[in-house]
Amino acid sequence: MALDNETEWGNELKKQIPYLYVERRAYNSAGGYTDFVTIPQARPVEIPENASYPPVVFVEHPLMPSGGAYIVWVSSGIIRTLEANNDGDGRWPELYDDLKKVKLSKPQT
């Protein structure tokens, strides 16, 4: 969803997804990070200077009164990290039952 921004560069980044492999995951009460490695077939994408970057999706959940976000971080044109964060108070859902309550929404443009 974060890459569903209907731009050429967003569509090109989505093409990298099959080439991503999880290198490391780190969690804390405010969210977590998933770092990726890619195989050489993943083609770097040039993100325009005027682009709305980084790609983000907002998260709503009863355990996070201020909400949160999923953010896609790109380095040298390659997806490197998916960040899940909590905007302020509350805690990131830990249990599967809690995760089923997550609602995602795109930023307003």
C-alpha atoms as a PDB file:
ATOM      1  CA  MET A   1       0.000   0.000   0.000  1.00  0.00           C
ATOM      2  CA  ALA A   2       2.854   2.443   0.752  1.00  0.00           C
ATOM      3  CA  LEU A   3       4.081   1.949  -2.808  1.00  0.00           C
ATOM      4  CA  ASP A   4       0.608   2.407  -4.344  1.00  0.00           C
ATOM      5  CA  ASN A   5       1.285   6.045  -5.104  1.00  0.00           C
ATOM      6  CA  GLU A   6       0.540   5.757  -8.837  1.00  0.00           C
ATOM      7  CA  THR A   7       3.877   7.234  -9.852  1.00  0.00           C
ATOM      8  CA  GLU A   8       6.379   5.745 -12.236  1.00  0.00           C
ATOM      9  CA  TRP A   9       9.027   5.492  -9.514  1.00  0.00           C
ATOM     10  CA  GLY A  10       6.545   3.881  -7.092  1.00  0.00           C
ATOM     11  CA  ASN A  11       5.603   1.286  -9.708  1.00  0.00           C
ATOM     12  CA  GLU A  12       9.271   0.583 -10.365  1.00  0.00           C
ATOM     13  CA  LEU A  13       9.978   0.126  -6.635  1.00  0.00           C
ATOM     14  CA  LYS A  14       7.144  -2.430  -6.423  1.00  0.00           C
ATOM     15  CA  LYS A  15       8.982  -4.506  -9.037  1.00  0.00           C
ATOM     16  CA  GLN A  16      11.809  -4.973  -6.490  1.00  0.00           C
ATOM     17  CA  ILE A  17       9.593  -6.823  -4.006  1.00  0.00           C
ATOM     18  CA  PRO A  18      10.199 -10.338  -5.431  1.00  0.00           C
ATOM     19  CA  TYR A  19      13.943  -9.724  -5.063  1.00  0.00           C
ATOM     20  CA  LEU A  20      13.847  -8.719  -1.376  1.00  0.00           C
ATOM     21  CA  TYR A  21      14.998 -11.079   1.352  1.00  0.00           C
ATOM     22  CA  VAL A  22      14.826 -10.351   5.070  1.00  0.00           C
ATOM     23  CA  GLU A  23      18.268  -9.752   6.501  1.00  0.00           C
ATOM     24  CA  ARG A  24      17.271  -8.726  10.026  1.00  0.00           C
ATOM     25  CA  ARG A  25      14.264  -7.782  12.122  1.00  0.00           C
ATOM     26  CA  ALA A  26      14.342  -5.650  15.236  1.00  0.00           C
ATOM     27  CA  TYR A  27      11.343  -4.945  17.467  1.00  0.00           C
ATOM     28  CA  ASN A  28      10.619  -2.617  20.355  1.00  0.00           C
ATOM     29  CA  SER A  29       7.468  -1.314  22.028  1.00  0.00           C
ATOM     30  CA  ALA A  30       7.281   1.570  19.550  1.00  0.00           C
ATOM     31  CA  GLY A  31       7.408  -0.652  16.442  1.00  0.00           C
ATOM     32  CA  GLY A  32      10.183  -2.291  14.539  1.00  0.00           C
ATOM     33  CA  TYR A  33      12.412  -2.492  11.504  1.00  0.00           C
ATOM     34  CA  THR A  34      12.830  -5.091   8.794  1.00  0.00           C
ATOM     35  CA  ASP A  35      16.081  -4.718   6.844  1.00  0.00           C
ATOM     36  CA  PHE A  36      16.333  -6.283   3.397  1.00  0.00           C
ATOM     37  CA  VAL A  37      19.026  -7.529   1.076  1.00  0.00           C
ATOM     38  CA  THR A  38      18.363  -7.827  -2.628  1.00  0.00           C
ATOM     39  CA  ILE A  39      19.619 -10.032  -5.388  1.00  0.00           C
ATOM     40  CA  PRO A  40      21.338  -8.330  -8.356  1.00  0.00           C
ATOM     41  CA  GLN A  41      18.244  -8.565 -10.590  1.00  0.00           C
ATOM     42  CA  ALA A  42      16.612  -5.751  -8.594  1.00  0.00           C
ATOM     43  CA  ARG A  43      16.978  -2.602 -10.680  1.00  0.00           C
ATOM     44  CA  PRO A  44      17.699   0.672  -8.837  1.00  0.00           C
ATOM     45  CA  VAL A  45      15.003   3.327  -9.144  1.00  0.00           C
ATOM     46  CA  GLU A  46      15.616   7.047  -9.426  1.00  0.00           C
ATOM     47  CA  ILE A  47      13.282   8.932  -7.112  1.00  0.00           C
ATOM     48  CA  PRO A  48      12.635  12.494  -8.321  1.00  0.00           C
ATOM     49  CA  GLU A  49      13.701  15.330  -6.038  1.00  0.00           C
ATOM     50  CA  ASN A  50      10.124  16.657  -5.874  1.00  0.00           C
ATOM     51  CA  ALA A  51       8.645  13.257  -4.942  1.00  0.00           C
ATOM     52  CA  SER A  52       6.605  12.703  -1.813  1.00  0.00           C
ATOM     53  CA  TYR A  53       9.221  10.550  -0.103  1.00  0.00           C
ATOM     54  CA  PRO A  54       9.494   8.278   1.779  1.00  0.00           C
ATOM     55  CA  PRO A  55       6.497   6.115   0.851  1.00  0.00           C
ATOM     56  CA  VAL A  56       4.273   5.840   3.927  1.00  0.00           C
ATOM     57  CA  VAL A  57       1.000   4.286   5.089  1.00  0.00           C
ATOM     58  CA  PHE A  58      -0.734   5.477   8.239  1.00  0.00           C
ATOM     59  CA  VAL A  59      -1.818   2.944  10.856  1.00  0.00           C
ATOM     60  CA  GLU A  60      -4.830   3.123  13.171  1.00  0.00           C
ATOM     61  CA  HIS A  61      -5.176   0.752  16.124  1.00  0.00           C
ATOM     62  CA  PRO A  62      -6.905   0.867  19.535  1.00  0.00           C
ATOM     63  CA  LEU A  63      -3.549   0.335  21.291  1.00  0.00           C
ATOM     64  CA  MET A  64      -2.050   3.385  19.536  1.00  0.00           C
ATOM     65  CA  PRO A  65      -4.244   6.433  20.242  1.00  0.00           C
ATOM     66  CA  SER A  66      -1.991   8.706  18.153  1.00  0.00           C
ATOM     67  CA  GLY A  67      -1.663   6.193  15.332  1.00  0.00           C
ATOM     68  CA  GLY A  68       1.488   5.012  13.613  1.00  0.00           C
ATOM     69  CA  ALA A  69       2.994   4.396  10.198  1.00  0.00           C
ATOM     70  CA  TYR A  70       4.710   1.937   7.909  1.00  0.00           C
ATOM     71  CA  ILE A  71       7.558   3.646   6.074  1.00  0.00           C
ATOM     72  CA  VAL A  72       9.550   2.251   3.128  1.00  0.00           C
ATOM     73  CA  TRP A  73      13.186   3.433   3.170  1.00  0.00           C
ATOM     74  CA  VAL A  74      15.200   3.411  -0.053  1.00  0.00           C
ATOM     75  CA  SER A  75      18.957   3.771  -0.477  1.00  0.00           C
ATOM     76  CA  SER A  76      20.690   4.101  -3.851  1.00  0.00           C
ATOM     77  CA  GLY A  77      17.384   3.313  -5.539  1.00  0.00           C
ATOM     78  CA  ILE A  78      16.870  -0.020  -3.722  1.00  0.00           C
ATOM     79  CA  ILE A  79      14.337  -0.789  -0.965  1.00  0.00           C
ATOM     80  CA  ARG A  80      16.410  -1.308   2.202  1.00  0.00           C
ATOM     81  CA  THR A  81      14.080  -1.112   5.210  1.00  0.00           C
ATOM     82  CA  LEU A  82      10.435  -1.301   6.216  1.00  0.00           C
ATOM     83  CA  GLU A  83       9.843   0.666   9.415  1.00  0.00           C
ATOM     84  CA  ALA A  84       6.750   0.292  11.592  1.00  0.00           C
ATOM     85  CA  ASN A  85       6.414   3.050  14.167  1.00  0.00           C
ATOM     86  CA  ASN A  86       4.087   4.355  16.840  1.00  0.00           C
ATOM     87  CA  ASP A  87       3.384   8.102  16.751  1.00  0.00           C
ATOM     88  CA  GLY A  88       3.503   8.966  20.417  1.00  0.00           C
ATOM     89  CA  ASP A  89       1.596   7.207  23.154  1.00  0.00           C
ATOM     90  CA  GLY A  90       0.449   3.626  23.188  1.00  0.00           C
ATOM     91  CA  ARG A  91       2.297   0.504  22.091  1.00  0.00           C
ATOM     92  CA  TRP A  92       2.709  -1.407  18.871  1.00  0.00           C
ATOM     93  CA  PRO A  93       0.413  -4.456  18.703  1.00  0.00           C
ATOM     94  CA  GLU A  94       2.286  -7.625  19.662  1.00  0.00           C
ATOM     95  CA  LEU A  95      -0.237 -10.391  19.366  1.00  0.00           C
ATOM     96  CA  TYR A  96      -1.823 -11.725  16.196  1.00  0.00           C
ATOM     97  CA  ASP A  97      -5.299 -10.904  17.536  1.00  0.00           C
ATOM     98  CA  ASP A  98      -4.189  -7.315  18.103  1.00  0.00           C
ATOM     99  CA  LEU A  99      -2.684  -7.072  14.603  1.00  0.00           C
ATOM    100  CA  LYS A 100      -6.027  -8.046  13.050  1.00  0.00           C
ATOM    101  CA  LYS A 101      -7.390  -4.708  14.346  1.00  0.00           C
ATOM    102  CA  VAL A 102      -4.878  -2.617  12.343  1.00  0.00           C
ATOM    103  CA  LYS A 103      -6.455  -0.247   9.796  1.00  0.00           C
ATOM    104  CA  LEU A 104      -4.263   1.202   7.033  1.00  0.00           C
ATOM    105  CA  SER A 105      -4.787   4.429   5.108  1.00  0.00           C
ATOM    106  CA  LYS A 106      -2.831   6.382   2.516  1.00  0.00           C
ATOM    107  CA  PRO A 107      -1.609   9.932   3.198  1.00  0.00           C
ATOM    108  CA  GLN A 108      -3.887  12.636   1.826  1.00  0.00           C
ATOM    109  CA  THR A 109      -2.362  14.412  -1.170  1.00  0.00           C
END
